[in-house]
Amino acid sequence: MHIALDGMGGDYAPQETVKGTIETLKELEDIHIIITGDKSLIQKELLKYPSKLKDRVSIYPTTQIITMHDHPKDALLTKKDSSLYKAIELVKNKEAVGIVSAGNTGAQMAISLFVLGRIKGVIRPAIAVPMPFPHSMGLLIDAGANTDCNAKQLVQFALMGKVYLENILKRKITIGLLNIGTEEEKGSKLTQEAYQSLKNMFEEFKGHIEGDKILTGEVDIIVTDGFTGNITLKTIEGTVEHIISALKAEIKKSNLAALGALFMKNAMKNLFKQLDYETFGGSPLLGTNGISIIAHGRSSHIAIKNAIKMCYKMEKEKIIEKTIQQLNHGNFA
């Protein structure tokens, strides 16, 4: 299995992208990773690692880099020899099963949509962000790909999320619609219309879910429009970072607090790991005609490794093919 990796994407590329590649190869024996980007810089990083593993790495040289400040449209039109664009083209040309990038999210969405296209019947692709639950993993969809949505799009988001999560977790899942209250009549015109459609089309639908219940695992999939979803995601990320930072500051204030933290070391380590985005690696852009994994811009080699493994599992589980089957099976297209 060949997977394309944007070697220049992310704040710590290419050091962390190359290291993440090597760490993945240690765990998965049946993959080959194609790293796109500056050949000399990537080769320099590869020299740090054993030659045996490097036999399953190839470099696709490119001359351009899409920065975090590039507008998606400009990146699409003027940077066709960038590491991100060429990585996505490898998927289009069937030279790789999927692409992983920690670069410019907007550019990745735009290029993925333009180069790979949509699965037939999908109105718009959506970003499905893994959510850390106490004993499992959930999904928030859409987390920013579509700021304006209609009810039919939300229904498709639910379907794509359901196909993905059921096959990843290997169990039945439940679906909730993010809203300002749990009562059926509450919310905007969009949520009221989407509620009725979801209720009629999914036996897994459990109704509305409020923001304070997102991380409880009350439902497995939280469906919303991309505008609300992105604000929700950033709020959760910011809150978690603030709590961790404040906790560390309090621990440093006294020896007694430090001693207490020592006794709680394992519990705190497990909690931080559960809340760390690197545990999941990335977020799949569901609905494109090819696997496209969006990793965090601050991804370390751990996140890169886990994002590649997510791509690997999506291909193994044939998520795109199963999504097509489900779209054709019901009144979803």
C-alpha atoms as a PDB file:
ATOM      1  CA  MET A   1       0.000   0.000   0.000  1.00  0.00           C
ATOM      2  CA  HIS A   2       1.414   3.389  -1.058  1.00  0.00           C
ATOM      3  CA  ILE A   3       0.541   6.516   0.953  1.00  0.00           C
ATOM      4  CA  ALA A   4       1.493  10.074  -0.046  1.00  0.00           C
ATOM      5  CA  LEU A   5       2.808  12.434   2.634  1.00  0.00           C
ATOM      6  CA  ASP A   6       3.197  16.184   2.229  1.00  0.00           C
ATOM      7  CA  GLY A   7       6.769  16.355   3.481  1.00  0.00           C
ATOM      8  CA  MET A   8       6.815  20.140   3.783  1.00  0.00           C
ATOM      9  CA  GLY A   9       3.451  20.576   5.511  1.00  0.00           C
ATOM     10  CA  GLY A  10       3.359  21.654   9.154  1.00  0.00           C
ATOM     11  CA  ASP A  11       5.293  23.829  11.568  1.00  0.00           C
ATOM     12  CA  TYR A  12       7.999  21.207  12.114  1.00  0.00           C
ATOM     13  CA  ALA A  13       8.465  19.860   8.596  1.00  0.00           C
ATOM     14  CA  PRO A  14      10.418  18.129   7.229  1.00  0.00           C
ATOM     15  CA  GLN A  15      12.032  16.897  10.472  1.00  0.00           C
ATOM     16  CA  GLU A  16       8.820  15.629  12.058  1.00  0.00           C
ATOM     17  CA  THR A  17       7.217  14.431   8.822  1.00  0.00           C
ATOM     18  CA  VAL A  18      10.246  12.262   8.059  1.00  0.00           C
ATOM     19  CA  LYS A  19      10.493  11.001  11.640  1.00  0.00           C
ATOM     20  CA  GLY A  20       6.768  10.219  11.600  1.00  0.00           C
ATOM     21  CA  THR A  21       7.287   8.278   8.384  1.00  0.00           C
ATOM     22  CA  ILE A  22      10.025   6.150   9.916  1.00  0.00           C
ATOM     23  CA  GLU A  23       7.994   5.489  13.073  1.00  0.00           C
ATOM     24  CA  THR A  24       5.054   4.343  10.930  1.00  0.00           C
ATOM     25  CA  LEU A  25       7.219   1.983   8.903  1.00  0.00           C
ATOM     26  CA  LYS A  26       8.356   0.332  12.144  1.00  0.00           C
ATOM     27  CA  GLU A  27       4.733  -0.527  12.958  1.00  0.00           C
ATOM     28  CA  LEU A  28       3.270  -1.283   9.520  1.00  0.00           C
ATOM     29  CA  GLU A  29       5.177  -3.664   7.298  1.00  0.00           C
ATOM     30  CA  ASP A  30       2.959  -3.513   4.218  1.00  0.00           C
ATOM     31  CA  ILE A  31       3.149   0.180   3.347  1.00  0.00           C
ATOM     32  CA  HIS A  32       5.393   2.377   1.225  1.00  0.00           C
ATOM     33  CA  ILE A  33       5.403   6.122   1.852  1.00  0.00           C
ATOM     34  CA  ILE A  34       5.979   8.691  -0.883  1.00  0.00           C
ATOM     35  CA  ILE A  35       7.211  11.954   0.633  1.00  0.00           C
ATOM     36  CA  THR A  36       6.696  15.016  -1.542  1.00  0.00           C
ATOM     37  CA  GLY A  37       8.815  18.128  -1.133  1.00  0.00           C
ATOM     38  CA  ASP A  38      12.345  19.522  -1.189  1.00  0.00           C
ATOM     39  CA  LYS A  39      14.482  16.517  -2.099  1.00  0.00           C
ATOM     40  CA  SER A  40      17.706  17.715  -0.456  1.00  0.00           C
ATOM     41  CA  LEU A  41      16.019  18.589   2.850  1.00  0.00           C
ATOM     42  CA  ILE A  42      14.112  15.307   2.990  1.00  0.00           C
ATOM     43  CA  GLN A  43      17.221  13.275   2.105  1.00  0.00           C
ATOM     44  CA  LYS A  44      19.143  15.063   4.860  1.00  0.00           C
ATOM     45  CA  GLU A  45      16.533  13.959   7.411  1.00  0.00           C
ATOM     46  CA  LEU A  46      16.397  10.400   6.069  1.00  0.00           C
ATOM     47  CA  LEU A  47      20.151  10.017   6.612  1.00  0.00           C
ATOM     48  CA  LYS A  48      19.446   9.939  10.362  1.00  0.00           C
ATOM     49  CA  TYR A  49      17.610   6.610  10.111  1.00  0.00           C
ATOM     50  CA  PRO A  50      18.435   2.951   9.294  1.00  0.00           C
ATOM     51  CA  SER A  51      18.725   2.136   5.594  1.00  0.00           C
ATOM     52  CA  LYS A  52      16.511  -0.951   5.916  1.00  0.00           C
ATOM     53  CA  LEU A  53      13.425   1.142   6.652  1.00  0.00           C
ATOM     54  CA  LYS A  54      14.307   3.686   3.975  1.00  0.00           C
ATOM     55  CA  ASP A  55      13.781   1.025   1.311  1.00  0.00           C
ATOM     56  CA  ARG A  56      10.066   1.661   1.782  1.00  0.00           C
ATOM     57  CA  VAL A  57      10.349   5.419   1.357  1.00  0.00           C
ATOM     58  CA  SER A  58      10.566   7.337  -1.893  1.00  0.00           C
ATOM     59  CA  ILE A  59      10.872  11.064  -2.514  1.00  0.00           C
ATOM     60  CA  TYR A  60       8.795  12.957  -5.059  1.00  0.00           C
ATOM     61  CA  PRO A  61      10.728  16.222  -5.639  1.00  0.00           C
ATOM     62  CA  THR A  62       8.755  19.468  -5.779  1.00  0.00           C
ATOM     63  CA  THR A  63       9.798  23.099  -6.127  1.00  0.00           C
ATOM     64  CA  GLN A  64       7.056  24.955  -4.251  1.00  0.00           C
ATOM     65  CA  ILE A  65       5.685  25.074  -0.706  1.00  0.00           C
ATOM     66  CA  ILE A  66       2.204  26.181   0.306  1.00  0.00           C
ATOM     67  CA  THR A  67       2.543  28.248   3.471  1.00  0.00           C
ATOM     68  CA  MET A  68      -0.028  28.634   6.235  1.00  0.00           C
ATOM     69  CA  HIS A  69      -0.637  32.199   4.999  1.00  0.00           C
ATOM     70  CA  ASP A  70      -1.421  31.304   1.383  1.00  0.00           C
ATOM     71  CA  HIS A  71      -5.040  31.785   0.365  1.00  0.00           C
ATOM     72  CA  PRO A  72      -6.551  28.443  -0.726  1.00  0.00           C
ATOM     73  CA  LYS A  73      -7.526  29.810  -4.154  1.00  0.00           C
ATOM     74  CA  ASP A  74      -4.030  31.209  -4.777  1.00  0.00           C
ATOM     75  CA  ALA A  75      -2.452  27.931  -3.673  1.00  0.00           C
ATOM     76  CA  LEU A  76      -4.720  25.998  -6.019  1.00  0.00           C
ATOM     77  CA  LEU A  77      -4.011  28.204  -9.039  1.00  0.00           C
ATOM     78  CA  THR A  78      -0.355  29.175  -8.604  1.00  0.00           C
ATOM     79  CA  LYS A  79       1.344  26.370  -6.667  1.00  0.00           C
ATOM     80  CA  LYS A  80       0.763  23.262  -8.736  1.00  0.00           C
ATOM     81  CA  ASP A  81       4.315  22.061  -8.124  1.00  0.00           C
ATOM     82  CA  SER A  82       3.946  22.276  -4.359  1.00  0.00           C
ATOM     83  CA  SER A  83       4.432  19.325  -2.032  1.00  0.00           C
ATOM     84  CA  LEU A  84       0.723  19.363  -1.116  1.00  0.00           C
ATOM     85  CA  TYR A  85      -0.602  19.584  -4.667  1.00  0.00           C
ATOM     86  CA  LYS A  86       1.664  16.810  -5.959  1.00  0.00           C
ATOM     87  CA  ALA A  87       0.819  14.549  -3.003  1.00  0.00           C
ATOM     88  CA  ILE A  88      -2.877  14.878  -3.837  1.00  0.00           C
ATOM     89  CA  GLU A  89      -2.150  14.284  -7.527  1.00  0.00           C
ATOM     90  CA  LEU A  90      -0.483  10.987  -6.604  1.00  0.00           C
ATOM     91  CA  VAL A  91      -3.822   9.870  -5.155  1.00  0.00           C
ATOM     92  CA  LYS A  92      -5.686  11.063  -8.243  1.00  0.00           C
ATOM     93  CA  ASN A  93      -3.291   9.078 -10.466  1.00  0.00           C
ATOM     94  CA  LYS A  94      -3.707   5.928  -8.325  1.00  0.00           C
ATOM     95  CA  GLU A  95      -0.034   6.017  -7.305  1.00  0.00           C
ATOM     96  CA  ALA A  96      -1.100   6.344  -3.661  1.00  0.00           C
ATOM     97  CA  VAL A  97      -4.269   5.344  -1.805  1.00  0.00           C
ATOM     98  CA  GLY A  98      -4.402   8.519   0.247  1.00  0.00           C
ATOM     99  CA  ILE A  99      -2.657  11.708   1.285  1.00  0.00           C
ATOM    100  CA  VAL A 100      -1.653  13.074   4.701  1.00  0.00           C
ATOM    101  CA  SER A 101      -0.726  16.703   5.299  1.00  0.00           C
ATOM    102  CA  ALA A 102      -0.156  18.932   8.321  1.00  0.00           C
ATOM    103  CA  GLY A 103      -0.062  22.004   6.105  1.00  0.00           C
ATOM    104  CA  ASN A 104      -2.597  24.648   5.097  1.00  0.00           C
ATOM    105  CA  THR A 105      -6.046  23.159   5.823  1.00  0.00           C
ATOM    106  CA  GLY A 106      -7.943  25.454   3.468  1.00  0.00           C
ATOM    107  CA  ALA A 107      -5.542  24.683   0.638  1.00  0.00           C
ATOM    108  CA  GLN A 108      -5.778  20.956   1.297  1.00  0.00           C
ATOM    109  CA  MET A 109      -9.574  21.100   1.152  1.00  0.00           C
ATOM    110  CA  ALA A 110      -9.581  23.176  -2.043  1.00  0.00           C
ATOM    111  CA  ILE A 111      -6.991  21.059  -3.855  1.00  0.00           C
ATOM    112  CA  SER A 112      -8.536  17.786  -2.681  1.00  0.00           C
ATOM    113  CA  LEU A 113     -11.925  18.902  -3.984  1.00  0.00           C
ATOM    114  CA  PHE A 114     -10.494  20.156  -7.293  1.00  0.00           C
ATOM    115  CA  VAL A 115      -8.086  17.289  -8.008  1.00  0.00           C
ATOM    116  CA  LEU A 116      -9.860  14.301  -6.442  1.00  0.00           C
ATOM    117  CA  GLY A 117     -13.419  15.495  -6.910  1.00  0.00           C
ATOM    118  CA  ARG A 118     -16.433  14.466  -4.873  1.00  0.00           C
ATOM    119  CA  ILE A 119     -17.893  11.022  -4.475  1.00  0.00           C
ATOM    120  CA  LYS A 120     -20.858  10.882  -6.847  1.00  0.00           C
ATOM    121  CA  GLY A 121     -23.930  12.114  -5.006  1.00  0.00           C
ATOM    122  CA  VAL A 122     -22.052  13.974  -2.262  1.00  0.00           C
ATOM    123  CA  ILE A 123     -23.071  17.630  -2.139  1.00  0.00           C
ATOM    124  CA  ARG A 124     -20.025  18.813  -0.182  1.00  0.00           C
ATOM    125  CA  PRO A 125     -17.197  16.998   1.632  1.00  0.00           C
ATOM    126  CA  ALA A 126     -16.932  17.524   5.391  1.00  0.00           C
ATOM    127  CA  ILE A 127     -14.158  17.454   7.985  1.00  0.00           C
ATOM    128  CA  ALA A 128     -14.708  14.710  10.557  1.00  0.00           C
ATOM    129  CA  VAL A 129     -12.733  15.471  13.722  1.00  0.00           C
ATOM    130  CA  PRO A 130     -12.151  12.664  16.254  1.00  0.00           C
ATOM    131  CA  MET A 131     -13.493  13.508  19.706  1.00  0.00           C
ATOM    132  CA  PRO A 132     -11.909  12.096  22.898  1.00  0.00           C
ATOM    133  CA  PHE A 133     -14.560  10.297  24.940  1.00  0.00           C
ATOM    134  CA  PRO A 134     -13.880   8.700  28.353  1.00  0.00           C
ATOM    135  CA  HIS A 135     -13.761   5.151  26.974  1.00  0.00           C
ATOM    136  CA  SER A 136     -13.902   5.516  23.208  1.00  0.00           C
ATOM    137  CA  MET A 137     -13.666   7.872  20.250  1.00  0.00           C
ATOM    138  CA  GLY A 138     -16.406  10.021  18.777  1.00  0.00           C
ATOM    139  CA  LEU A 139     -16.720  12.280  15.755  1.00  0.00           C
ATOM    140  CA  LEU A 140     -17.620  15.934  15.192  1.00  0.00           C
ATOM    141  CA  ILE A 141     -18.752  16.578  11.614  1.00  0.00           C
ATOM    142  CA  ASP A 142     -18.513  19.134   9.961  1.00  0.00           C
ATOM    143  CA  ALA A 143     -15.630  20.951  11.655  1.00  0.00           C
ATOM    144  CA  GLY A 144     -15.047  23.737   9.155  1.00  0.00           C
ATOM    145  CA  ALA A 145     -15.343  22.718   5.515  1.00  0.00           C
ATOM    146  CA  ASN A 146     -18.800  24.265   4.999  1.00  0.00           C
ATOM    147  CA  THR A 147     -19.843  27.445   6.794  1.00  0.00           C
ATOM    148  CA  ASP A 148     -23.320  27.467   5.236  1.00  0.00           C
ATOM    149  CA  CYS A 149     -25.271  24.212   5.060  1.00  0.00           C
ATOM    150  CA  ASN A 150     -28.740  22.927   4.311  1.00  0.00           C
ATOM    151  CA  ALA A 151     -30.523  20.021   5.979  1.00  0.00           C
ATOM    152  CA  LYS A 152     -29.665  17.557   3.212  1.00  0.00           C
ATOM    153  CA  GLN A 153     -25.968  18.267   3.690  1.00  0.00           C
ATOM    154  CA  LEU A 154     -26.251  17.577   7.417  1.00  0.00           C
ATOM    155  CA  VAL A 155     -27.941  14.264   6.609  1.00  0.00           C
ATOM    156  CA  GLN A 156     -25.045  13.372   4.308  1.00  0.00           C
ATOM    157  CA  PHE A 157     -22.544  14.370   6.999  1.00  0.00           C
ATOM    158  CA  ALA A 158     -24.301  11.966   9.360  1.00  0.00           C
ATOM    159  CA  LEU A 159     -24.161   9.178   6.787  1.00  0.00           C
ATOM    160  CA  MET A 160     -20.478   9.683   5.966  1.00  0.00           C
ATOM    161  CA  GLY A 161     -19.597   9.891   9.649  1.00  0.00           C
ATOM    162  CA  LYS A 162     -21.611   6.755  10.378  1.00  0.00           C
ATOM    163  CA  VAL A 163     -19.885   4.718   7.653  1.00  0.00           C
ATOM    164  CA  TYR A 164     -16.470   5.887   8.844  1.00  0.00           C
ATOM    165  CA  LEU A 165     -16.933   5.421  12.587  1.00  0.00           C
ATOM    166  CA  GLU A 166     -18.797   2.102  12.447  1.00  0.00           C
ATOM    167  CA  ASN A 167     -16.009   0.579  10.383  1.00  0.00           C
ATOM    168  CA  ILE A 168     -13.243   2.060  12.522  1.00  0.00           C
ATOM    169  CA  LEU A 169     -14.782   1.121  15.887  1.00  0.00           C
ATOM    170  CA  LYS A 170     -16.395  -2.114  14.635  1.00  0.00           C
ATOM    171  CA  ARG A 171     -19.647  -1.504  16.498  1.00  0.00           C
ATOM    172  CA  LYS A 172     -23.006   0.199  16.163  1.00  0.00           C
ATOM    173  CA  ILE A 173     -22.926   3.931  16.735  1.00  0.00           C
ATOM    174  CA  THR A 174     -25.363   6.692  17.707  1.00  0.00           C
ATOM    175  CA  ILE A 175     -25.934  10.110  16.137  1.00  0.00           C
ATOM    176  CA  GLY A 176     -26.851  13.469  17.667  1.00  0.00           C
ATOM    177  CA  LEU A 177     -27.556  16.913  16.197  1.00  0.00           C
ATOM    178  CA  LEU A 178     -25.763  19.793  17.942  1.00  0.00           C
ATOM    179  CA  ASN A 179     -28.283  22.350  19.179  1.00  0.00           C
ATOM    180  CA  ILE A 180     -29.065  24.873  21.924  1.00  0.00           C
ATOM    181  CA  GLY A 181     -31.484  22.508  23.666  1.00  0.00           C
ATOM    182  CA  THR A 182     -32.661  18.913  23.619  1.00  0.00           C
ATOM    183  CA  GLU A 183     -36.312  19.641  22.855  1.00  0.00           C
ATOM    184  CA  GLU A 184     -37.398  18.769  19.323  1.00  0.00           C
ATOM    185  CA  GLU A 185     -38.821  22.217  18.584  1.00  0.00           C
ATOM    186  CA  LYS A 186     -35.705  24.145  19.677  1.00  0.00           C
ATOM    187  CA  GLY A 187     -33.052  25.631  17.427  1.00  0.00           C
ATOM    188  CA  SER A 188     -32.794  27.356  14.073  1.00  0.00           C
ATOM    189  CA  LYS A 189     -34.768  26.621  10.930  1.00  0.00           C
ATOM    190  CA  LEU A 190     -31.815  24.522   9.741  1.00  0.00           C
ATOM    191  CA  THR A 191     -31.621  22.342  12.854  1.00  0.00           C
ATOM    192  CA  GLN A 192     -35.394  21.857  12.966  1.00  0.00           C
ATOM    193  CA  GLU A 193     -35.472  20.707   9.348  1.00  0.00           C
ATOM    194  CA  ALA A 194     -32.377  18.530   9.782  1.00  0.00           C
ATOM    195  CA  TYR A 195     -33.864  16.996  12.935  1.00  0.00           C
ATOM    196  CA  GLN A 196     -36.885  15.671  11.048  1.00  0.00           C
ATOM    197  CA  SER A 197     -34.744  14.295   8.209  1.00  0.00           C
ATOM    198  CA  LEU A 198     -32.290  12.588  10.569  1.00  0.00           C
ATOM    199  CA  LYS A 199     -35.153  11.185  12.639  1.00  0.00           C
ATOM    200  CA  ASN A 200     -36.772   9.683   9.535  1.00  0.00           C
ATOM    201  CA  MET A 201     -33.598   8.297   7.960  1.00  0.00           C
ATOM    202  CA  PHE A 202     -31.457   6.981  10.837  1.00  0.00           C
ATOM    203  CA  GLU A 203     -32.528   4.544  13.508  1.00  0.00           C
ATOM    204  CA  GLU A 204     -29.265   5.529  15.237  1.00  0.00           C
ATOM    205  CA  PHE A 205     -30.433   9.143  15.660  1.00  0.00           C
ATOM    206  CA  LYS A 206     -30.889  10.091  19.330  1.00  0.00           C
ATOM    207  CA  GLY A 207     -32.052  13.674  18.887  1.00  0.00           C
ATOM    208  CA  HIS A 208     -30.446  16.964  19.834  1.00  0.00           C
ATOM    209  CA  ILE A 209     -27.287  17.190  21.906  1.00  0.00           C
ATOM    210  CA  GLU A 210     -26.113  20.316  23.721  1.00  0.00           C
ATOM    211  CA  GLY A 211     -22.548  21.593  23.773  1.00  0.00           C
ATOM    212  CA  ASP A 212     -21.861  20.515  27.350  1.00  0.00           C
ATOM    213  CA  LYS A 213     -22.487  16.869  26.422  1.00  0.00           C
ATOM    214  CA  ILE A 214     -20.134  16.661  23.424  1.00  0.00           C
ATOM    215  CA  LEU A 215     -17.277  14.936  25.267  1.00  0.00           C
ATOM    216  CA  THR A 216     -19.412  12.686  27.462  1.00  0.00           C
ATOM    217  CA  GLY A 217     -19.957  10.006  24.834  1.00  0.00           C
ATOM    218  CA  GLU A 218     -23.729  10.415  25.071  1.00  0.00           C
ATOM    219  CA  VAL A 219     -23.739  10.027  21.279  1.00  0.00           C
ATOM    220  CA  ASP A 220     -20.906   8.858  19.033  1.00  0.00           C
ATOM    221  CA  ILE A 221     -21.359  11.328  16.179  1.00  0.00           C
ATOM    222  CA  ILE A 222     -22.156  15.010  16.639  1.00  0.00           C
ATOM    223  CA  VAL A 223     -23.553  16.520  13.433  1.00  0.00           C
ATOM    224  CA  THR A 224     -23.440  20.260  12.769  1.00  0.00           C
ATOM    225  CA  ASP A 225     -22.645  22.855  10.118  1.00  0.00           C
ATOM    226  CA  GLY A 226     -19.004  23.755   9.547  1.00  0.00           C
ATOM    227  CA  PHE A 227     -19.284  27.240  11.056  1.00  0.00           C
ATOM    228  CA  THR A 228     -20.666  25.987  14.367  1.00  0.00           C
ATOM    229  CA  GLY A 229     -18.433  22.918  14.277  1.00  0.00           C
ATOM    230  CA  ASN A 230     -15.232  24.887  13.844  1.00  0.00           C
ATOM    231  CA  ILE A 231     -16.068  27.282  16.675  1.00  0.00           C
ATOM    232  CA  THR A 232     -16.940  24.281  18.861  1.00  0.00           C
ATOM    233  CA  LEU A 233     -13.665  22.547  18.008  1.00  0.00           C
ATOM    234  CA  LYS A 234     -11.518  25.638  18.649  1.00  0.00           C
ATOM    235  CA  THR A 235     -13.336  26.275  21.937  1.00  0.00           C
ATOM    236  CA  ILE A 236     -12.650  22.724  23.120  1.00  0.00           C
ATOM    237  CA  GLU A 237      -8.988  22.904  22.031  1.00  0.00           C
ATOM    238  CA  GLY A 238      -8.474  26.282  23.695  1.00  0.00           C
ATOM    239  CA  THR A 239     -10.178  25.218  26.920  1.00  0.00           C
ATOM    240  CA  VAL A 240      -8.118  22.036  27.182  1.00  0.00           C
ATOM    241  CA  GLU A 241      -4.865  23.934  26.559  1.00  0.00           C
ATOM    242  CA  HIS A 242      -5.813  26.576  29.139  1.00  0.00           C
ATOM    243  CA  ILE A 243      -6.698  24.007  31.818  1.00  0.00           C
ATOM    244  CA  ILE A 244      -3.463  22.080  31.272  1.00  0.00           C
ATOM    245  CA  SER A 245      -1.407  25.290  31.356  1.00  0.00           C
ATOM    246  CA  ALA A 246      -3.189  26.545  34.495  1.00  0.00           C
ATOM    247  CA  LEU A 247      -2.772  23.168  36.208  1.00  0.00           C
ATOM    248  CA  LYS A 248       0.967  23.130  35.505  1.00  0.00           C
ATOM    249  CA  ALA A 249       1.280  26.675  36.853  1.00  0.00           C
ATOM    250  CA  GLU A 250      -0.550  25.741  40.079  1.00  0.00           C
ATOM    251  CA  ILE A 251       1.661  22.670  40.580  1.00  0.00           C
ATOM    252  CA  LYS A 252       4.766  24.871  40.452  1.00  0.00           C
ATOM    253  CA  LYS A 253       3.464  27.168  43.192  1.00  0.00           C
ATOM    254  CA  SER A 254       4.177  24.859  46.140  1.00  0.00           C
ATOM    255  CA  ASN A 255       6.030  21.704  47.126  1.00  0.00           C
ATOM    256  CA  LEU A 256       2.782  20.239  48.470  1.00  0.00           C
ATOM    257  CA  ALA A 257       1.072  20.687  45.103  1.00  0.00           C
ATOM    258  CA  ALA A 258       4.082  19.142  43.365  1.00  0.00           C
ATOM    259  CA  LEU A 259       3.968  16.175  45.753  1.00  0.00           C
ATOM    260  CA  GLY A 260       0.259  15.694  45.078  1.00  0.00           C
ATOM    261  CA  ALA A 261       0.914  15.828  41.346  1.00  0.00           C
ATOM    262  CA  LEU A 262       3.577  13.139  41.748  1.00  0.00           C
ATOM    263  CA  PHE A 263       1.020  10.767  43.268  1.00  0.00           C
ATOM    264  CA  MET A 264      -1.393  11.596  40.441  1.00  0.00           C
ATOM    265  CA  LYS A 265       1.254  11.303  37.728  1.00  0.00           C
ATOM    266  CA  ASN A 266      -0.167   8.247  35.947  1.00  0.00           C
ATOM    267  CA  ALA A 267      -3.760   9.493  36.122  1.00  0.00           C
ATOM    268  CA  MET A 268      -2.764  12.893  34.747  1.00  0.00           C
ATOM    269  CA  LYS A 269      -0.647  11.302  32.032  1.00  0.00           C
ATOM    270  CA  ASN A 270      -3.594   9.179  30.890  1.00  0.00           C
ATOM    271  CA  LEU A 271      -5.934  12.184  30.957  1.00  0.00           C
ATOM    272  CA  PHE A 272      -3.563  14.375  28.945  1.00  0.00           C
ATOM    273  CA  LYS A 273      -3.090  11.578  26.422  1.00  0.00           C
ATOM    274  CA  GLN A 274      -6.852  11.181  26.060  1.00  0.00           C
ATOM    275  CA  LEU A 275      -7.249  14.909  25.352  1.00  0.00           C
ATOM    276  CA  ASP A 276      -4.213  15.204  23.062  1.00  0.00           C
ATOM    277  CA  TYR A 277      -5.038  15.624  19.345  1.00  0.00           C
ATOM    278  CA  GLU A 278      -1.837  13.748  18.508  1.00  0.00           C
ATOM    279  CA  THR A 279      -3.426  10.529  19.797  1.00  0.00           C
ATOM    280  CA  PHE A 280      -5.759  10.538  16.783  1.00  0.00           C
ATOM    281  CA  GLY A 281      -3.321  12.031  14.300  1.00  0.00           C
ATOM    282  CA  GLY A 282      -5.668  13.809  11.955  1.00  0.00           C
ATOM    283  CA  SER A 283      -9.148  14.378  10.613  1.00  0.00           C
ATOM    284  CA  PRO A 284     -10.430  12.751   7.426  1.00  0.00           C
ATOM    285  CA  LEU A 285     -12.019  14.939   4.765  1.00  0.00           C
ATOM    286  CA  LEU A 286     -15.007  12.709   4.063  1.00  0.00           C
ATOM    287  CA  GLY A 287     -16.756  12.848   0.703  1.00  0.00           C
ATOM    288  CA  THR A 288     -13.791  13.262  -1.644  1.00  0.00           C
ATOM    289  CA  ASN A 289     -13.012  10.605  -4.220  1.00  0.00           C
ATOM    290  CA  GLY A 290      -9.775   9.690  -2.488  1.00  0.00           C
ATOM    291  CA  ILE A 291      -8.522   9.625   1.100  1.00  0.00           C
ATOM    292  CA  SER A 292      -7.354  13.018   2.382  1.00  0.00           C
ATOM    293  CA  ILE A 293      -6.226  13.274   6.016  1.00  0.00           C
ATOM    294  CA  ILE A 294      -5.860  16.730   7.559  1.00  0.00           C
ATOM    295  CA  ALA A 295      -3.318  16.776  10.398  1.00  0.00           C
ATOM    296  CA  HIS A 296      -2.801  19.599  12.902  1.00  0.00           C
ATOM    297  CA  GLY A 297      -0.336  22.292  11.860  1.00  0.00           C
ATOM    298  CA  ARG A 298       1.662  21.704  15.054  1.00  0.00           C
ATOM    299  CA  SER A 299       1.894  17.952  14.458  1.00  0.00           C
ATOM    300  CA  SER A 300       4.912  16.149  15.871  1.00  0.00           C
ATOM    301  CA  HIS A 301       6.139  12.824  14.509  1.00  0.00           C
ATOM    302  CA  ILE A 302       3.617  11.078  16.773  1.00  0.00           C
ATOM    303  CA  ALA A 303       0.677  12.873  15.160  1.00  0.00           C
ATOM    304  CA  ILE A 304       2.118  12.296  11.680  1.00  0.00           C
ATOM    305  CA  LYS A 305       2.473   8.582  12.430  1.00  0.00           C
ATOM    306  CA  ASN A 306      -1.089   8.333  13.698  1.00  0.00           C
ATOM    307  CA  ALA A 307      -2.429  10.303  10.729  1.00  0.00           C
ATOM    308  CA  ILE A 308      -0.711   7.908   8.310  1.00  0.00           C
ATOM    309  CA  LYS A 309      -2.143   4.979  10.262  1.00  0.00           C
ATOM    310  CA  MET A 310      -5.599   6.564   9.977  1.00  0.00           C
ATOM    311  CA  CYS A 311      -5.157   6.736   6.200  1.00  0.00           C
ATOM    312  CA  TYR A 312      -3.981   3.120   6.185  1.00  0.00           C
ATOM    313  CA  LYS A 313      -7.013   1.954   8.160  1.00  0.00           C
ATOM    314  CA  MET A 314      -9.437   3.880   5.947  1.00  0.00           C
ATOM    315  CA  GLU A 315      -8.067   2.089   2.912  1.00  0.00           C
ATOM    316  CA  LYS A 316      -8.077  -1.289   4.653  1.00  0.00           C
ATOM    317  CA  GLU A 317     -11.718  -0.781   5.651  1.00  0.00           C
ATOM    318  CA  LYS A 318     -12.646   0.514   2.164  1.00  0.00           C
ATOM    319  CA  ILE A 319     -14.420   3.545   3.643  1.00  0.00           C
ATOM    320  CA  ILE A 320     -14.911   5.293   0.293  1.00  0.00           C
ATOM    321  CA  GLU A 321     -16.385   2.215  -1.382  1.00  0.00           C
ATOM    322  CA  LYS A 322     -18.727   1.625   1.568  1.00  0.00           C
ATOM    323  CA  THR A 323     -19.798   5.278   1.519  1.00  0.00           C
ATOM    324  CA  ILE A 324     -20.706   4.961  -2.161  1.00  0.00           C
ATOM    325  CA  GLN A 325     -22.746   1.837  -1.387  1.00  0.00           C
ATOM    326  CA  GLN A 326     -24.642   3.581   1.415  1.00  0.00           C
ATOM    327  CA  LEU A 327     -25.312   6.671  -0.708  1.00  0.00           C
ATOM    328  CA  ASN A 328     -26.852   4.485  -3.396  1.00  0.00           C
ATOM    329  CA  HIS A 329     -28.755   2.327  -0.915  1.00  0.00           C
ATOM    330  CA  GLY A 330     -30.952   5.046   0.580  1.00  0.00           C
ATOM    331  CA  ASN A 331     -32.311   8.441  -0.381  1.00  0.00           C
ATOM    332  CA  PHE A 332     -29.084  10.236   0.516  1.00  0.00           C
ATOM    333  CA  ALA A 333     -27.743  11.485  -2.823  1.00  0.00           C
END
